[in-house]
Amino acid sequence: MAQLTDRFGRQIEYVRLSVTDQCDLRCFYCMPRGFRDFEEPGHWLTFDEITRVMGAFGRLGVQRVRLTGGEPLVRKNLPDLVSRLAALPGINDISLSTNATRMRKHARALRDAGVSRINVSLDSLKPEVFKQVTGGKLEKVLDGLMAARDTGLSPIKINMVAMKGVNDGEFEDMVEFCLEHGFTLRFIETMPMGDTGRHASRDHYLDLQTVRARLEERFDLVPGVMPGGGPARYMQVVGTDLRIGFITPISQHFCETCNRVRLSVDGTIYTCLGQEHNLELRPLLRAGCSDTELFDAIRRAVDLKPERHEFRDRPEKLLRFMSMTGG
């Protein structure tokens, strides 16, 4: 079957799959503290529906699946879904993005089901700053991280959103933390997603080129590589195994190499995080569409994928929260 290729020649081989829009934290750049306007559970794709859609993606050349949310571990029986996805032809890499608050309970089951590696959101090592950003408790995340490490999940990547006036005094400390525990570190620029994201981007934005320059004053960095389908550009700390990635959707966009689409919990394919192009699969699935109709819908969605985002040019254009799209 023909591979999924968009109008600009980019091959789509990576799906970020949201299994819930709910989360047990409230990071201010992602979701407002009082937010309650979640998708109705009846609108969520069932595990059977998800498996069918991802099976179609696999037959169309998708190899990598990342489970996201919201917080994916809020979704009950997630290891069961992982087992189903791991059995699909073509799918050979299943990873998970999480805040790790529930990893102590689920790490082993997830690994046994087929999750090979995880990304963990951790913006601060200071309990008071962590609470300011997320509304949660740092110790739960650290406990979950250690459980994941002890279970053998690898690599474990720490995602740190770099924010001026919030955590900009902690970058070197986070490098040392990752060196100590054998984690990979990735810095991420704030993005103008909805009102919450726009305020974070406007008030706290940091160009990661300045972060990298600062780290180079203390650490000897050389270009590095890291397996995976994501957009980070990596450096390596000389004499160690630590890779430090820089994800720069604003200062140095990576649209020309974008190989991914997002499938939201309600079955909507979003082709770009910084655009509104989308196609709803749930109505087709629940109307009893054939496999051929499903393949055609996925191809139509990929044909909608724009050449690049408009975060810089039209930040007011995007009006949804990151938790609704899938991180």
C-alpha atoms as a PDB file:
ATOM      1  CA  MET A   1       0.000   0.000   0.000  1.00  0.00           C
ATOM      2  CA  ALA A   2       1.286   3.497  -0.883  1.00  0.00           C
ATOM      3  CA  GLN A   3       3.062   5.395   1.901  1.00  0.00           C
ATOM      4  CA  LEU A   4       1.519   8.521   3.418  1.00  0.00           C
ATOM      5  CA  THR A   5       3.188  11.532   1.825  1.00  0.00           C
ATOM      6  CA  ASP A   6       1.887  15.087   2.042  1.00  0.00           C
ATOM      7  CA  ARG A   7       1.744  17.698  -0.739  1.00  0.00           C
ATOM      8  CA  PHE A   8       5.252  18.898   0.116  1.00  0.00           C
ATOM      9  CA  GLY A   9       6.923  15.505  -0.112  1.00  0.00           C
ATOM     10  CA  ARG A  10       7.147  14.808   3.613  1.00  0.00           C
ATOM     11  CA  GLN A  11       6.547  11.170   4.547  1.00  0.00           C
ATOM     12  CA  ILE A  12       4.214  10.762   7.538  1.00  0.00           C
ATOM     13  CA  GLU A  13       5.466   7.950   9.750  1.00  0.00           C
ATOM     14  CA  TYR A  14       4.659   9.231  13.254  1.00  0.00           C
ATOM     15  CA  VAL A  15       1.312   9.678  15.033  1.00  0.00           C
ATOM     16  CA  ARG A  16       0.889  11.398  18.375  1.00  0.00           C
ATOM     17  CA  LEU A  17      -2.170   9.678  19.807  1.00  0.00           C
ATOM     18  CA  SER A  18      -4.150  11.442  22.558  1.00  0.00           C
ATOM     19  CA  VAL A  19      -6.065   8.990  24.747  1.00  0.00           C
ATOM     20  CA  THR A  20      -7.652  11.655  26.977  1.00  0.00           C
ATOM     21  CA  ASP A  21      -7.869  15.435  27.233  1.00  0.00           C
ATOM     22  CA  GLN A  22      -8.030  15.228  31.029  1.00  0.00           C
ATOM     23  CA  CYS A  23      -5.053  15.819  33.302  1.00  0.00           C
ATOM     24  CA  ASP A  24      -4.314  15.717  37.023  1.00  0.00           C
ATOM     25  CA  LEU A  25      -2.073  18.807  36.792  1.00  0.00           C
ATOM     26  CA  ARG A  26      -2.771  22.330  35.505  1.00  0.00           C
ATOM     27  CA  CYS A  27       0.358  23.696  33.843  1.00  0.00           C
ATOM     28  CA  PHE A  28      -0.479  27.328  33.191  1.00  0.00           C
ATOM     29  CA  TYR A  29       0.902  27.288  29.634  1.00  0.00           C
ATOM     30  CA  CYS A  30      -1.311  24.319  28.743  1.00  0.00           C
ATOM     31  CA  MET A  31      -4.604  24.493  30.648  1.00  0.00           C
ATOM     32  CA  PRO A  32      -6.198  27.171  32.902  1.00  0.00           C
ATOM     33  CA  ARG A  33      -6.482  26.259  36.590  1.00  0.00           C
ATOM     34  CA  GLY A  34     -10.277  26.308  36.637  1.00  0.00           C
ATOM     35  CA  PHE A  35     -10.737  24.572  33.281  1.00  0.00           C
ATOM     36  CA  ARG A  36     -13.527  21.957  33.218  1.00  0.00           C
ATOM     37  CA  ASP A  37     -14.631  21.952  29.594  1.00  0.00           C
ATOM     38  CA  PHE A  38     -13.358  18.456  28.839  1.00  0.00           C
ATOM     39  CA  GLU A  39     -14.558  16.243  26.009  1.00  0.00           C
ATOM     40  CA  GLU A  40     -17.455  13.965  26.976  1.00  0.00           C
ATOM     41  CA  PRO A  41     -16.133  10.401  27.580  1.00  0.00           C
ATOM     42  CA  GLY A  42     -18.792   9.163  25.162  1.00  0.00           C
ATOM     43  CA  HIS A  43     -16.997  11.180  22.473  1.00  0.00           C
ATOM     44  CA  TRP A  44     -13.658   9.535  23.210  1.00  0.00           C
ATOM     45  CA  LEU A  45     -12.579   6.922  20.716  1.00  0.00           C
ATOM     46  CA  THR A  46     -12.902   3.473  22.264  1.00  0.00           C
ATOM     47  CA  PHE A  47      -9.904   1.158  22.384  1.00  0.00           C
ATOM     48  CA  ASP A  48     -11.450  -0.819  19.519  1.00  0.00           C
ATOM     49  CA  GLU A  49     -11.790   2.364  17.449  1.00  0.00           C
ATOM     50  CA  ILE A  50      -8.267   3.510  18.275  1.00  0.00           C
ATOM     51  CA  THR A  51      -6.867   0.116  17.338  1.00  0.00           C
ATOM     52  CA  ARG A  52      -8.702   0.174  14.024  1.00  0.00           C
ATOM     53  CA  VAL A  53      -7.472   3.672  13.155  1.00  0.00           C
ATOM     54  CA  MET A  54      -3.895   2.953  14.171  1.00  0.00           C
ATOM     55  CA  GLY A  55      -4.008  -0.309  12.233  1.00  0.00           C
ATOM     56  CA  ALA A  56      -4.913   1.734   9.154  1.00  0.00           C
ATOM     57  CA  PHE A  57      -2.078   4.169   9.848  1.00  0.00           C
ATOM     58  CA  GLY A  58       0.307   1.214  10.217  1.00  0.00           C
ATOM     59  CA  ARG A  59      -0.728  -0.183   6.835  1.00  0.00           C
ATOM     60  CA  LEU A  60      -0.094   3.273   5.356  1.00  0.00           C
ATOM     61  CA  GLY A  61       3.496   3.373   6.593  1.00  0.00           C
ATOM     62  CA  VAL A  62       3.267   4.858  10.101  1.00  0.00           C
ATOM     63  CA  GLN A  63       5.822   3.182  12.371  1.00  0.00           C
ATOM     64  CA  ARG A  64       5.926   5.310  15.506  1.00  0.00           C
ATOM     65  CA  VAL A  65       3.126   6.007  17.973  1.00  0.00           C
ATOM     66  CA  ARG A  66       3.409   8.295  20.984  1.00  0.00           C
ATOM     67  CA  LEU A  67       0.611   8.121  23.567  1.00  0.00           C
ATOM     68  CA  THR A  68      -0.268  11.561  24.906  1.00  0.00           C
ATOM     69  CA  GLY A  69      -3.077  13.437  26.640  1.00  0.00           C
ATOM     70  CA  GLY A  70      -3.874  15.461  28.697  1.00  0.00           C
ATOM     71  CA  GLU A  71      -2.202  12.965  30.973  1.00  0.00           C
ATOM     72  CA  PRO A  72      -2.478   9.541  29.283  1.00  0.00           C
ATOM     73  CA  LEU A  73      -2.310   7.604  32.553  1.00  0.00           C
ATOM     74  CA  VAL A  74      -5.669   9.144  33.516  1.00  0.00           C
ATOM     75  CA  ARG A  75      -7.198   6.793  30.906  1.00  0.00           C
ATOM     76  CA  LYS A  76      -8.139   3.499  32.558  1.00  0.00           C
ATOM     77  CA  ASN A  77      -6.576   0.237  31.388  1.00  0.00           C
ATOM     78  CA  LEU A  78      -3.997   1.977  29.215  1.00  0.00           C
ATOM     79  CA  PRO A  79      -1.608  -1.051  29.177  1.00  0.00           C
ATOM     80  CA  ASP A  80      -4.375  -3.008  27.431  1.00  0.00           C
ATOM     81  CA  LEU A  81      -4.403  -0.462  24.605  1.00  0.00           C
ATOM     82  CA  VAL A  82      -0.600  -0.551  24.424  1.00  0.00           C
ATOM     83  CA  SER A  83      -0.698  -4.332  23.979  1.00  0.00           C
ATOM     84  CA  ARG A  84      -3.173  -3.973  21.118  1.00  0.00           C
ATOM     85  CA  LEU A  85      -1.072  -1.320  19.389  1.00  0.00           C
ATOM     86  CA  ALA A  86       2.125  -3.323  19.823  1.00  0.00           C
ATOM     87  CA  ALA A  87       0.524  -6.227  17.949  1.00  0.00           C
ATOM     88  CA  LEU A  88      -0.347  -4.133  14.871  1.00  0.00           C
ATOM     89  CA  PRO A  89       1.651  -4.761  11.687  1.00  0.00           C
ATOM     90  CA  GLY A  90       3.939  -1.844  10.867  1.00  0.00           C
ATOM     91  CA  ILE A  91       3.908  -0.262  14.326  1.00  0.00           C
ATOM     92  CA  ASN A  92       7.360  -0.858  15.784  1.00  0.00           C
ATOM     93  CA  ASP A  93       7.877   1.970  18.281  1.00  0.00           C
ATOM     94  CA  ILE A  94       5.475   2.913  21.089  1.00  0.00           C
ATOM     95  CA  SER A  95       6.376   5.683  23.500  1.00  0.00           C
ATOM     96  CA  LEU A  96       4.550   7.730  26.118  1.00  0.00           C
ATOM     97  CA  SER A  97       4.482  11.391  27.161  1.00  0.00           C
ATOM     98  CA  THR A  98       3.501  11.774  30.820  1.00  0.00           C
ATOM     99  CA  ASN A  99       3.777  13.985  33.874  1.00  0.00           C
ATOM    100  CA  ALA A 100       4.832  10.823  35.801  1.00  0.00           C
ATOM    101  CA  THR A 101       2.535  11.439  38.790  1.00  0.00           C
ATOM    102  CA  ARG A 102       1.065   7.934  38.270  1.00  0.00           C
ATOM    103  CA  MET A 103       4.145   6.128  36.981  1.00  0.00           C
ATOM    104  CA  ARG A 104       4.913   4.355  40.248  1.00  0.00           C
ATOM    105  CA  LYS A 105       1.705   2.356  39.812  1.00  0.00           C
ATOM    106  CA  HIS A 106       1.860   1.750  36.053  1.00  0.00           C
ATOM    107  CA  ALA A 107       5.523   1.648  34.946  1.00  0.00           C
ATOM    108  CA  ARG A 108       5.988  -2.122  34.895  1.00  0.00           C
ATOM    109  CA  ALA A 109       2.662  -2.862  33.211  1.00  0.00           C
ATOM    110  CA  LEU A 110       3.381  -0.279  30.527  1.00  0.00           C
ATOM    111  CA  ARG A 111       6.835  -1.669  29.839  1.00  0.00           C
ATOM    112  CA  ASP A 112       5.532  -5.239  29.701  1.00  0.00           C
ATOM    113  CA  ALA A 113       2.748  -4.160  27.319  1.00  0.00           C
ATOM    114  CA  GLY A 114       5.156  -2.593  24.839  1.00  0.00           C
ATOM    115  CA  VAL A 115       6.088   0.974  25.852  1.00  0.00           C
ATOM    116  CA  SER A 116       9.810   1.267  25.316  1.00  0.00           C
ATOM    117  CA  ARG A 117      10.545   4.847  26.346  1.00  0.00           C
ATOM    118  CA  ILE A 118       8.915   7.852  27.943  1.00  0.00           C
ATOM    119  CA  ASN A 119       9.070  11.639  27.945  1.00  0.00           C
ATOM    120  CA  VAL A 120       8.351  13.302  31.275  1.00  0.00           C
ATOM    121  CA  SER A 121       7.313  16.926  31.690  1.00  0.00           C
ATOM    122  CA  LEU A 122       9.396  18.492  34.479  1.00  0.00           C
ATOM    123  CA  ASP A 123       9.815  22.263  34.460  1.00  0.00           C
ATOM    124  CA  SER A 124      11.395  22.758  37.866  1.00  0.00           C
ATOM    125  CA  LEU A 125      13.265  20.933  40.624  1.00  0.00           C
ATOM    126  CA  LYS A 126      12.036  23.426  43.215  1.00  0.00           C
ATOM    127  CA  PRO A 127       8.789  22.321  44.919  1.00  0.00           C
ATOM    128  CA  GLU A 128       7.439  25.866  45.163  1.00  0.00           C
ATOM    129  CA  VAL A 129       8.140  26.662  41.493  1.00  0.00           C
ATOM    130  CA  PHE A 130       6.746  23.309  40.376  1.00  0.00           C
ATOM    131  CA  LYS A 131       3.549  24.040  42.280  1.00  0.00           C
ATOM    132  CA  GLN A 132       3.357  27.527  40.742  1.00  0.00           C
ATOM    133  CA  VAL A 133       3.601  26.068  37.242  1.00  0.00           C
ATOM    134  CA  THR A 134       1.492  22.919  37.640  1.00  0.00           C
ATOM    135  CA  GLY A 135      -0.524  23.179  40.844  1.00  0.00           C
ATOM    136  CA  GLY A 136       0.878  19.766  41.818  1.00  0.00           C
ATOM    137  CA  LYS A 137       3.512  18.153  44.036  1.00  0.00           C
ATOM    138  CA  LEU A 138       7.045  17.680  42.783  1.00  0.00           C
ATOM    139  CA  GLU A 139       7.714  14.612  44.923  1.00  0.00           C
ATOM    140  CA  LYS A 140       5.081  12.569  43.083  1.00  0.00           C
ATOM    141  CA  VAL A 141       6.781  13.248  39.755  1.00  0.00           C
ATOM    142  CA  LEU A 142      10.251  12.445  41.080  1.00  0.00           C
ATOM    143  CA  ASP A 143       8.956   9.204  42.601  1.00  0.00           C
ATOM    144  CA  GLY A 144       7.352   8.253  39.295  1.00  0.00           C
ATOM    145  CA  LEU A 145      10.566   9.047  37.425  1.00  0.00           C
ATOM    146  CA  MET A 146      12.616   6.768  39.646  1.00  0.00           C
ATOM    147  CA  ALA A 147      10.052   3.995  39.296  1.00  0.00           C
ATOM    148  CA  ALA A 148      10.239   4.266  35.510  1.00  0.00           C
ATOM    149  CA  ARG A 149      14.027   4.153  35.593  1.00  0.00           C
ATOM    150  CA  ASP A 150      14.083   1.170  37.945  1.00  0.00           C
ATOM    151  CA  THR A 151      11.609  -0.669  35.715  1.00  0.00           C
ATOM    152  CA  GLY A 152      13.984  -0.387  32.767  1.00  0.00           C
ATOM    153  CA  LEU A 153      12.179   2.134  30.579  1.00  0.00           C
ATOM    154  CA  SER A 154      14.870   3.780  28.449  1.00  0.00           C
ATOM    155  CA  PRO A 155      15.604   6.363  27.361  1.00  0.00           C
ATOM    156  CA  ILE A 156      13.747   8.630  29.761  1.00  0.00           C
ATOM    157  CA  LYS A 157      13.627  12.157  28.375  1.00  0.00           C
ATOM    158  CA  ILE A 158      12.933  15.142  30.606  1.00  0.00           C
ATOM    159  CA  ASN A 159      10.963  17.882  28.830  1.00  0.00           C
ATOM    160  CA  MET A 160      11.583  21.305  30.379  1.00  0.00           C
ATOM    161  CA  VAL A 161       9.664  24.297  29.014  1.00  0.00           C
ATOM    162  CA  ALA A 162      12.087  27.203  29.333  1.00  0.00           C
ATOM    163  CA  MET A 163      10.285  30.188  30.874  1.00  0.00           C
ATOM    164  CA  LYS A 164      11.722  33.615  31.575  1.00  0.00           C
ATOM    165  CA  GLY A 165      11.057  34.694  35.129  1.00  0.00           C
ATOM    166  CA  VAL A 166       9.874  31.231  36.174  1.00  0.00           C
ATOM    167  CA  ASN A 167      12.562  28.555  35.836  1.00  0.00           C
ATOM    168  CA  ASP A 168      15.362  30.385  34.022  1.00  0.00           C
ATOM    169  CA  GLY A 169      17.647  30.025  37.040  1.00  0.00           C
ATOM    170  CA  GLU A 170      17.461  26.216  36.960  1.00  0.00           C
ATOM    171  CA  PHE A 171      18.788  25.146  33.575  1.00  0.00           C
ATOM    172  CA  GLU A 172      22.237  24.137  34.825  1.00  0.00           C
ATOM    173  CA  ASP A 173      20.682  22.339  37.812  1.00  0.00           C
ATOM    174  CA  MET A 174      18.472  20.312  35.479  1.00  0.00           C
ATOM    175  CA  VAL A 175      21.515  19.302  33.437  1.00  0.00           C
ATOM    176  CA  GLU A 176      23.220  18.089  36.617  1.00  0.00           C
ATOM    177  CA  PHE A 177      20.051  16.218  37.655  1.00  0.00           C
ATOM    178  CA  CYS A 178      19.933  14.392  34.308  1.00  0.00           C
ATOM    179  CA  LEU A 179      23.641  13.604  34.488  1.00  0.00           C
ATOM    180  CA  GLU A 180      23.134  12.079  37.935  1.00  0.00           C
ATOM    181  CA  HIS A 181      20.204   9.864  36.949  1.00  0.00           C
ATOM    182  CA  GLY A 182      20.999   8.977  33.353  1.00  0.00           C
ATOM    183  CA  PHE A 183      18.125  10.915  31.787  1.00  0.00           C
ATOM    184  CA  THR A 184      18.075  12.806  28.495  1.00  0.00           C
ATOM    185  CA  LEU A 185      17.152  16.511  28.736  1.00  0.00           C
ATOM    186  CA  ARG A 186      15.139  18.517  26.236  1.00  0.00           C
ATOM    187  CA  PHE A 187      14.403  22.233  26.443  1.00  0.00           C
ATOM    188  CA  ILE A 188      11.220  23.484  24.747  1.00  0.00           C
ATOM    189  CA  GLU A 189      10.201  27.012  23.764  1.00  0.00           C
ATOM    190  CA  THR A 190       6.774  28.222  24.902  1.00  0.00           C
ATOM    191  CA  MET A 191       4.173  28.208  22.121  1.00  0.00           C
ATOM    192  CA  PRO A 192       1.129  30.488  21.673  1.00  0.00           C
ATOM    193  CA  MET A 193      -1.583  27.809  21.995  1.00  0.00           C
ATOM    194  CA  GLY A 194      -4.886  29.534  22.846  1.00  0.00           C
ATOM    195  CA  ASP A 195      -5.184  32.400  25.331  1.00  0.00           C
ATOM    196  CA  THR A 196      -3.232  30.532  28.018  1.00  0.00           C
ATOM    197  CA  GLY A 197      -0.396  29.689  25.655  1.00  0.00           C
ATOM    198  CA  ARG A 198      -0.269  33.164  24.149  1.00  0.00           C
ATOM    199  CA  HIS A 199       0.127  34.728  27.570  1.00  0.00           C
ATOM    200  CA  ALA A 200       2.889  32.247  28.438  1.00  0.00           C
ATOM    201  CA  SER A 201       4.616  32.860  25.121  1.00  0.00           C
ATOM    202  CA  ARG A 202       4.364  36.640  25.459  1.00  0.00           C
ATOM    203  CA  ASP A 203       5.306  36.914  29.116  1.00  0.00           C
ATOM    204  CA  HIS A 204       7.795  34.051  29.541  1.00  0.00           C
ATOM    205  CA  TYR A 205       9.232  33.280  26.091  1.00  0.00           C
ATOM    206  CA  LEU A 206      12.934  32.457  25.892  1.00  0.00           C
ATOM    207  CA  ASP A 207      14.835  31.921  22.653  1.00  0.00           C
ATOM    208  CA  LEU A 208      16.617  28.603  23.218  1.00  0.00           C
ATOM    209  CA  GLN A 209      19.666  29.868  21.374  1.00  0.00           C
ATOM    210  CA  THR A 210      20.380  31.996  24.456  1.00  0.00           C
ATOM    211  CA  VAL A 211      19.815  28.974  26.724  1.00  0.00           C
ATOM    212  CA  ARG A 212      22.272  26.916  24.699  1.00  0.00           C
ATOM    213  CA  ALA A 213      24.868  29.704  24.797  1.00  0.00           C
ATOM    214  CA  ARG A 214      24.527  29.897  28.563  1.00  0.00           C
ATOM    215  CA  LEU A 215      24.959  26.147  28.991  1.00  0.00           C
ATOM    216  CA  GLU A 216      28.075  26.238  26.816  1.00  0.00           C
ATOM    217  CA  GLU A 217      29.684  28.540  29.372  1.00  0.00           C
ATOM    218  CA  ARG A 218      29.569  25.718  31.948  1.00  0.00           C
ATOM    219  CA  PHE A 219      29.463  22.480  29.933  1.00  0.00           C
ATOM    220  CA  ASP A 220      31.545  21.316  26.992  1.00  0.00           C
ATOM    221  CA  LEU A 221      28.925  20.623  24.311  1.00  0.00           C
ATOM    222  CA  VAL A 222      29.371  18.984  20.911  1.00  0.00           C
ATOM    223  CA  PRO A 223      26.734  17.999  18.318  1.00  0.00           C
ATOM    224  CA  GLY A 224      24.910  14.799  19.293  1.00  0.00           C
ATOM    225  CA  VAL A 225      22.286  12.448  17.921  1.00  0.00           C
ATOM    226  CA  MET A 226      19.353  10.658  19.517  1.00  0.00           C
ATOM    227  CA  PRO A 227      17.102   8.009  17.965  1.00  0.00           C
ATOM    228  CA  GLY A 228      13.428   8.880  17.674  1.00  0.00           C
ATOM    229  CA  GLY A 229      10.996  10.676  15.446  1.00  0.00           C
ATOM    230  CA  GLY A 230      10.839  14.020  17.210  1.00  0.00           C
ATOM    231  CA  PRO A 231      12.079  17.486  16.249  1.00  0.00           C
ATOM    232  CA  ALA A 232      14.804  18.129  18.842  1.00  0.00           C
ATOM    233  CA  ARG A 233      18.294  19.182  17.775  1.00  0.00           C
ATOM    234  CA  TYR A 234      20.776  17.534  20.156  1.00  0.00           C
ATOM    235  CA  MET A 235      24.073  18.418  21.754  1.00  0.00           C
ATOM    236  CA  GLN A 236      26.112  16.044  23.930  1.00  0.00           C
ATOM    237  CA  VAL A 237      28.042  16.845  27.088  1.00  0.00           C
ATOM    238  CA  VAL A 238      31.627  15.762  26.364  1.00  0.00           C
ATOM    239  CA  GLY A 239      32.772  12.812  28.439  1.00  0.00           C
ATOM    240  CA  THR A 240      29.224  11.739  29.318  1.00  0.00           C
ATOM    241  CA  ASP A 241      26.239  10.017  27.715  1.00  0.00           C
ATOM    242  CA  LEU A 242      23.992  13.028  28.304  1.00  0.00           C
ATOM    243  CA  ARG A 243      22.232  14.443  25.268  1.00  0.00           C
ATOM    244  CA  ILE A 244      20.573  17.842  25.546  1.00  0.00           C
ATOM    245  CA  GLY A 245      17.886  18.555  22.986  1.00  0.00           C
ATOM    246  CA  PHE A 246      16.499  21.920  21.898  1.00  0.00           C
ATOM    247  CA  ILE A 247      12.955  22.060  20.505  1.00  0.00           C
ATOM    248  CA  THR A 248      12.538  25.446  18.833  1.00  0.00           C
ATOM    249  CA  PRO A 249       9.151  25.849  17.128  1.00  0.00           C
ATOM    250  CA  ILE A 250       9.421  29.635  17.308  1.00  0.00           C
ATOM    251  CA  SER A 251      13.068  30.679  16.899  1.00  0.00           C
ATOM    252  CA  GLN A 252      14.085  27.917  14.444  1.00  0.00           C
ATOM    253  CA  HIS A 253      11.033  26.101  13.136  1.00  0.00           C
ATOM    254  CA  PHE A 254      11.448  22.546  11.831  1.00  0.00           C
ATOM    255  CA  CYS A 255       8.398  22.417   9.557  1.00  0.00           C
ATOM    256  CA  GLU A 256      10.352  21.216   6.500  1.00  0.00           C
ATOM    257  CA  THR A 257      11.124  17.920   8.273  1.00  0.00           C
ATOM    258  CA  CYS A 258       7.779  17.445  10.054  1.00  0.00           C
ATOM    259  CA  ASN A 259       6.822  13.771   9.785  1.00  0.00           C
ATOM    260  CA  ARG A 260       3.835  13.649  12.156  1.00  0.00           C
ATOM    261  CA  VAL A 261       0.137  14.164  12.628  1.00  0.00           C
ATOM    262  CA  ARG A 262      -1.933  14.163  15.801  1.00  0.00           C
ATOM    263  CA  LEU A 263      -5.035  12.116  16.559  1.00  0.00           C
ATOM    264  CA  SER A 264      -7.103  13.675  19.356  1.00  0.00           C
ATOM    265  CA  VAL A 265      -9.131  11.681  21.850  1.00  0.00           C
ATOM    266  CA  ASP A 266     -12.344  12.474  19.951  1.00  0.00           C
ATOM    267  CA  GLY A 267     -10.937  11.083  16.719  1.00  0.00           C
ATOM    268  CA  THR A 268      -9.902  14.317  15.018  1.00  0.00           C
ATOM    269  CA  ILE A 269      -6.719  14.288  12.937  1.00  0.00           C
ATOM    270  CA  TYR A 270      -4.764  17.533  13.382  1.00  0.00           C
ATOM    271  CA  THR A 271      -2.065  17.914  10.769  1.00  0.00           C
ATOM    272  CA  CYS A 272      -0.166  20.814  12.356  1.00  0.00           C
ATOM    273  CA  LEU A 273       0.141  22.000  15.941  1.00  0.00           C
ATOM    274  CA  GLY A 274       0.220  25.611  14.745  1.00  0.00           C
ATOM    275  CA  GLN A 275      -2.704  25.469  12.305  1.00  0.00           C
ATOM    276  CA  GLU A 276      -6.374  24.463  12.491  1.00  0.00           C
ATOM    277  CA  HIS A 277      -6.355  22.001   9.560  1.00  0.00           C
ATOM    278  CA  ASN A 278      -8.177  18.875  10.717  1.00  0.00           C
ATOM    279  CA  LEU A 279     -10.466  16.015   9.730  1.00  0.00           C
ATOM    280  CA  GLU A 280     -12.913  14.195  12.036  1.00  0.00           C
ATOM    281  CA  LEU A 281     -12.788  10.405  11.885  1.00  0.00           C
ATOM    282  CA  ARG A 282     -15.277   9.594  14.663  1.00  0.00           C
ATOM    283  CA  PRO A 283     -18.427  10.228  12.563  1.00  0.00           C
ATOM    284  CA  LEU A 284     -17.069   7.933   9.861  1.00  0.00           C
ATOM    285  CA  LEU A 285     -16.148   5.200  12.314  1.00  0.00           C
ATOM    286  CA  ARG A 286     -19.517   5.260  14.042  1.00  0.00           C
ATOM    287  CA  ALA A 287     -21.356   5.275  10.728  1.00  0.00           C
ATOM    288  CA  GLY A 288     -19.702   1.959   9.900  1.00  0.00           C
ATOM    289  CA  CYS A 289     -17.184   3.113   7.278  1.00  0.00           C
ATOM    290  CA  SER A 290     -15.259   0.523   5.289  1.00  0.00           C
ATOM    291  CA  ASP A 291     -11.489   0.128   5.512  1.00  0.00           C
ATOM    292  CA  THR A 292     -11.180   1.753   2.093  1.00  0.00           C
ATOM    293  CA  GLU A 293     -13.183   4.767   3.288  1.00  0.00           C
ATOM    294  CA  LEU A 294     -10.965   4.998   6.391  1.00  0.00           C
ATOM    295  CA  PHE A 295      -7.783   4.903   4.302  1.00  0.00           C
ATOM    296  CA  ASP A 296      -9.178   7.586   2.002  1.00  0.00           C
ATOM    297  CA  ALA A 297     -10.096   9.815   4.982  1.00  0.00           C
ATOM    298  CA  ILE A 298      -6.596   9.538   6.435  1.00  0.00           C
ATOM    299  CA  ARG A 299      -5.092  10.439   3.054  1.00  0.00           C
ATOM    300  CA  ARG A 300      -7.434  13.445   2.776  1.00  0.00           C
ATOM    301  CA  ALA A 301      -6.332  14.603   6.211  1.00  0.00           C
ATOM    302  CA  VAL A 302      -2.650  14.366   5.282  1.00  0.00           C
ATOM    303  CA  ASP A 303      -3.385  16.372   2.120  1.00  0.00           C
ATOM    304  CA  LEU A 304      -4.517  19.199   4.431  1.00  0.00           C
ATOM    305  CA  LYS A 305      -1.117  19.415   6.132  1.00  0.00           C
ATOM    306  CA  PRO A 306       0.252  22.951   5.608  1.00  0.00           C
ATOM    307  CA  GLU A 307       3.790  23.763   4.609  1.00  0.00           C
ATOM    308  CA  ARG A 308       4.482  25.485   7.929  1.00  0.00           C
ATOM    309  CA  HIS A 309       2.872  26.821  11.100  1.00  0.00           C
ATOM    310  CA  GLU A 310       1.997  30.474  11.742  1.00  0.00           C
ATOM    311  CA  PHE A 311       3.014  30.851  15.390  1.00  0.00           C
ATOM    312  CA  ARG A 312       5.029  33.979  14.647  1.00  0.00           C
ATOM    313  CA  ASP A 313       2.889  35.519  11.920  1.00  0.00           C
ATOM    314  CA  ARG A 314      -0.620  34.893  13.286  1.00  0.00           C
ATOM    315  CA  PRO A 315      -0.454  33.748  16.914  1.00  0.00           C
ATOM    316  CA  GLU A 316      -4.078  34.796  17.430  1.00  0.00           C
ATOM    317  CA  LYS A 317      -5.227  32.209  14.892  1.00  0.00           C
ATOM    318  CA  LEU A 318      -4.994  29.193  17.209  1.00  0.00           C
ATOM    319  CA  LEU A 319      -7.682  29.027  19.867  1.00  0.00           C
ATOM    320  CA  ARG A 320      -7.442  25.548  21.390  1.00  0.00           C
ATOM    321  CA  PHE A 321      -5.572  24.275  24.440  1.00  0.00           C
ATOM    322  CA  MET A 322      -2.670  21.868  24.068  1.00  0.00           C
ATOM    323  CA  SER A 323      -4.547  19.294  26.150  1.00  0.00           C
ATOM    324  CA  MET A 324      -7.311  19.177  23.530  1.00  0.00           C
ATOM    325  CA  THR A 325      -4.937  18.503  20.648  1.00  0.00           C
ATOM    326  CA  GLY A 326      -2.533  16.100  22.286  1.00  0.00           C
ATOM    327  CA  GLY A 327       0.865  17.238  23.491  1.00  0.00           C
END
